[in-house]
Amino acid sequence: MAKSCMFLFCTLKRVNMRLEIEMEKLCIILMIFFLVIVVEAATKEKLTKLRFFVEDTFTGANQTAYKVAQSNITSTSPSLFGQVNVVDAPFTMGPKAKSKILGRAQGIVGFADLNEIGFHMSITFVFTSGKYKGSTLSMMGRNNLLQKHRQMPIVGGTGAFAMAKGIATTSNYYFDTTTDNAVFEYKIIVNHY
């Protein structure tokens, strides 16, 4: 009888150990499953729509755009091919000079079309106030100034716009052909994390 009890006790102990091992495995699997759900929820992609105005000023005391280079054919080119400008212009909530400043549009604009006025733009929108303060959006692409509406890709971002991708649609709100001073409206749709 003692041998039977001992055998039964040892068998139950082995079964209990196997159950403990299986429970440990199940707990690990459940922890991994919940971790994946939490990470996925934390990295869910967001859609943001923005609208603002950029004021480029080539003349006067508050100049924000400067010509820094040109090619040997720029002065005779009908499209100003080879001219390169750098920009550090405010972008605002509204088109008027006294509108709330949201940040700065900083970058390089190169005249890159031999036949018509077409730019290659590499611009970073640096948010200096509001909800997105400290964040950036980067835009790079072709901008044909003579078209009513132009689209350029949003190729990245930082802060609130980490891993951004999207589209920027721009149009001329105001353009002075004598001074080249202009106000451009931007409508941006961007996906980010």
Protein backbone atom coordinates (compact mmCIF):
# COMPACT_ATOMS: atom_id res chain seq x y z
CA MET A 1 0.00 0.00 0.00
CA ALA A 2 2.87 2.34 0.81
CA LYS A 3 4.39 1.59 -2.62
CA SER A 4 1.06 2.37 -4.31
CA CYS A 5 0.75 5.65 -2.41
CA MET A 6 4.31 6.60 -3.25
CA PHE A 7 3.77 5.76 -6.94
CA LEU A 8 0.55 7.78 -6.99
CA PHE A 9 2.25 10.68 -5.21
CA CYS A 10 5.19 10.68 -7.71
CA THR A 11 2.82 10.47 -10.67
CA LEU A 12 0.75 13.39 -9.39
CA LYS A 13 3.91 15.36 -8.77
CA ARG A 14 5.08 14.79 -12.39
CA VAL A 15 1.65 15.72 -13.75
CA ASN A 16 1.67 18.85 -11.59
CA MET A 17 5.17 19.79 -12.88
CA ARG A 18 4.02 19.35 -16.50
CA LEU A 19 0.96 21.50 -15.82
CA GLU A 20 3.17 24.19 -14.29
CA ILE A 21 5.44 24.14 -17.37
CA GLU A 22 2.43 24.32 -19.70
CA MET A 23 0.96 27.20 -17.64
CA GLU A 24 4.29 29.06 -17.86
CA LYS A 25 4.29 28.63 -21.64
CA LEU A 26 0.69 29.85 -21.85
CA CYS A 27 1.51 32.90 -19.71
CA ILE A 28 4.46 33.77 -21.96
CA ILE A 29 2.31 33.45 -25.08
CA LEU A 30 -0.41 35.65 -23.55
CA MET A 31 2.15 38.28 -22.50
CA ILE A 32 3.57 38.40 -26.05
CA PHE A 33 0.06 38.65 -27.50
CA PHE A 34 -0.89 41.59 -25.24
CA LEU A 35 2.46 43.28 -25.89
CA VAL A 36 1.82 43.14 -29.65
CA ILE A 37 -1.64 44.67 -29.14
CA VAL A 38 -0.23 47.49 -26.98
CA VAL A 39 2.58 48.26 -29.46
CA GLU A 40 0.15 48.21 -32.38
CA ALA A 41 -2.23 50.57 -30.58
CA ALA A 42 0.63 52.91 -29.68
CA THR A 43 1.86 53.08 -33.28
CA LYS A 44 -1.46 53.51 -35.04
CA GLU A 45 -1.18 55.77 -38.05
CA LYS A 46 -2.91 59.18 -37.83
CA LEU A 47 -4.26 61.46 -40.58
CA THR A 48 -3.80 65.22 -40.17
CA LYS A 49 -5.04 68.00 -42.46
CA LEU A 50 -3.33 71.39 -42.29
CA ARG A 51 -3.89 74.74 -44.02
CA PHE A 52 -1.51 77.69 -43.79
CA PHE A 53 0.05 80.50 -45.80
CA VAL A 54 3.73 81.13 -46.64
CA GLU A 55 4.91 84.67 -47.37
CA ASP A 56 8.01 84.89 -49.59
CA THR A 57 9.55 88.37 -49.60
CA PHE A 58 12.40 89.13 -52.04
CA THR A 59 12.60 92.86 -51.31
CA GLY A 60 12.48 95.27 -48.39
CA ALA A 61 13.49 95.21 -44.74
CA ASN A 62 11.79 91.87 -43.98
CA GLN A 63 13.29 89.88 -46.83
CA THR A 64 12.83 86.10 -46.40
CA ALA A 65 14.12 84.73 -49.73
CA TYR A 66 17.57 85.31 -51.24
CA LYS A 67 19.17 84.39 -54.55
CA VAL A 68 22.45 82.62 -53.68
CA ALA A 69 23.58 81.18 -57.03
CA GLN A 70 22.93 81.07 -60.75
CA SER A 71 24.27 79.22 -63.77
CA ASN A 72 26.07 80.77 -66.72
CA ILE A 73 22.77 80.76 -68.69
CA THR A 74 20.37 82.02 -65.98
CA SER A 75 20.41 85.65 -67.18
CA THR A 76 19.41 84.65 -70.74
CA SER A 77 17.04 81.79 -69.84
CA PRO A 78 13.28 82.48 -70.12
CA SER A 79 12.77 80.13 -67.16
CA LEU A 80 15.68 81.44 -65.00
CA PHE A 81 17.21 77.96 -65.27
CA GLY A 82 20.01 77.43 -62.76
CA GLN A 83 19.01 80.11 -60.24
CA VAL A 84 19.05 78.91 -56.65
CA ASN A 85 17.27 80.67 -53.78
CA VAL A 86 17.28 79.97 -50.07
CA VAL A 87 14.17 80.66 -48.03
CA ASP A 88 13.38 81.23 -44.36
CA ALA A 89 9.82 82.52 -44.53
CA PRO A 90 7.07 82.59 -41.91
CA PHE A 91 4.01 80.44 -42.37
CA THR A 92 0.82 81.71 -40.80
CA MET A 93 -2.77 80.75 -40.05
CA GLY A 94 -4.11 83.37 -42.46
CA PRO A 95 -2.90 85.23 -45.56
CA LYS A 96 -2.53 88.65 -43.91
CA ALA A 97 0.78 89.96 -42.55
CA LYS A 98 -0.58 90.18 -38.98
CA SER A 99 -1.82 86.54 -38.93
CA LYS A 100 -0.59 84.21 -36.17
CA ILE A 101 2.79 82.73 -37.07
CA LEU A 102 2.82 78.92 -36.86
CA GLY A 103 6.43 78.44 -37.91
CA ARG A 104 9.05 78.89 -40.61
CA ALA A 105 9.34 77.43 -44.12
CA GLN A 106 13.07 76.84 -44.55
CA GLY A 107 14.89 75.40 -47.52
CA ILE A 108 16.19 75.63 -51.06
CA VAL A 109 14.37 76.46 -54.29
CA GLY A 110 16.14 75.79 -57.58
CA PHE A 111 14.87 76.77 -61.03
CA ALA A 112 15.16 73.38 -62.70
CA ASP A 113 13.19 73.58 -65.98
CA LEU A 114 14.81 74.84 -69.20
CA ASN A 115 11.47 75.64 -70.87
CA GLU A 116 9.09 77.04 -68.26
CA ILE A 117 9.27 78.42 -64.73
CA GLY A 118 9.43 75.24 -62.69
CA PHE A 119 11.19 74.84 -59.35
CA HIS A 120 12.63 71.92 -57.54
CA MET A 121 11.85 72.62 -53.87
CA SER A 122 13.28 71.12 -50.73
CA ILE A 123 11.43 72.82 -47.86
CA THR A 124 11.07 71.96 -44.18
CA PHE A 125 8.10 73.43 -42.33
CA VAL A 126 9.39 74.05 -38.80
CA PHE A 127 6.52 74.50 -36.32
CA THR A 128 7.46 77.09 -33.68
CA SER A 129 4.09 77.54 -31.95
CA GLY A 130 0.76 75.85 -31.34
CA LYS A 131 -0.14 72.21 -31.09
CA TYR A 132 2.77 71.03 -33.28
CA LYS A 133 5.52 73.21 -31.76
CA GLY A 134 8.90 71.48 -32.13
CA SER A 135 7.72 69.26 -35.00
CA THR A 136 8.66 69.45 -38.68
CA LEU A 137 7.30 68.38 -42.06
CA SER A 138 9.62 67.95 -45.06
CA MET A 139 8.39 68.61 -48.60
CA MET A 140 10.39 67.93 -51.75
CA GLY A 141 9.40 68.02 -55.39
CA ARG A 142 8.55 70.01 -58.50
CA ASN A 143 6.52 73.20 -58.29
CA ASN A 144 5.30 74.72 -61.56
CA LEU A 145 4.48 78.26 -60.51
CA LEU A 146 2.29 78.89 -63.57
CA GLN A 147 -0.22 76.16 -62.71
CA LYS A 148 -3.18 77.19 -60.55
CA HIS A 149 -2.80 74.24 -58.14
CA ARG A 150 0.43 72.30 -57.64
CA GLN A 151 1.08 69.13 -55.67
CA MET A 152 4.31 68.13 -53.98
CA PRO A 153 5.05 65.13 -51.79
CA ILE A 154 5.54 65.30 -48.04
CA VAL A 155 8.50 62.96 -47.60
CA GLY A 156 9.05 62.96 -43.85
CA GLY A 157 8.69 64.66 -40.52
CA THR A 158 9.72 64.74 -36.89
CA GLY A 159 8.04 65.11 -33.51
CA ALA A 160 4.26 64.88 -33.87
CA PHE A 161 4.81 64.11 -37.56
CA ALA A 162 7.26 61.21 -37.15
CA MET A 163 7.49 59.10 -40.30
CA ALA A 164 5.16 61.47 -42.17
CA LYS A 165 4.08 60.90 -45.74
CA GLY A 166 1.49 62.80 -47.66
CA ILE A 167 0.74 65.52 -50.17
CA ALA A 168 0.97 69.31 -50.15
CA THR A 169 -1.25 71.25 -52.54
CA THR A 170 -0.27 74.87 -53.07
CA SER A 171 -1.68 77.82 -54.97
CA ASN A 172 -0.84 81.49 -55.34
CA TYR A 173 -2.87 83.62 -52.95
CA TYR A 174 -0.98 86.78 -53.96
CA PHE A 175 1.87 87.34 -56.40
CA ASP A 176 3.56 90.64 -57.32
CA THR A 177 5.30 90.19 -60.71
CA THR A 178 7.38 93.33 -60.19
CA THR A 179 8.99 92.36 -56.86
CA ASP A 180 8.37 88.57 -56.94
CA ASN A 181 6.95 88.91 -53.42
CA ALA A 182 4.22 86.31 -52.92
CA VAL A 183 1.85 84.63 -50.50
CA PHE A 184 1.19 80.93 -51.15
CA GLU A 185 -1.61 78.86 -49.66
CA TYR A 186 -0.72 75.33 -48.60
CA LYS A 187 -3.19 72.52 -47.91
CA ILE A 188 -1.43 69.47 -46.52
CA ILE A 189 -2.79 65.99 -45.91
CA VAL A 190 -0.33 63.82 -44.03
CA ASN A 191 -0.23 60.34 -42.48
CA HIS A 192 2.07 59.96 -39.48
CA TYR A 193 2.54 58.09 -36.19
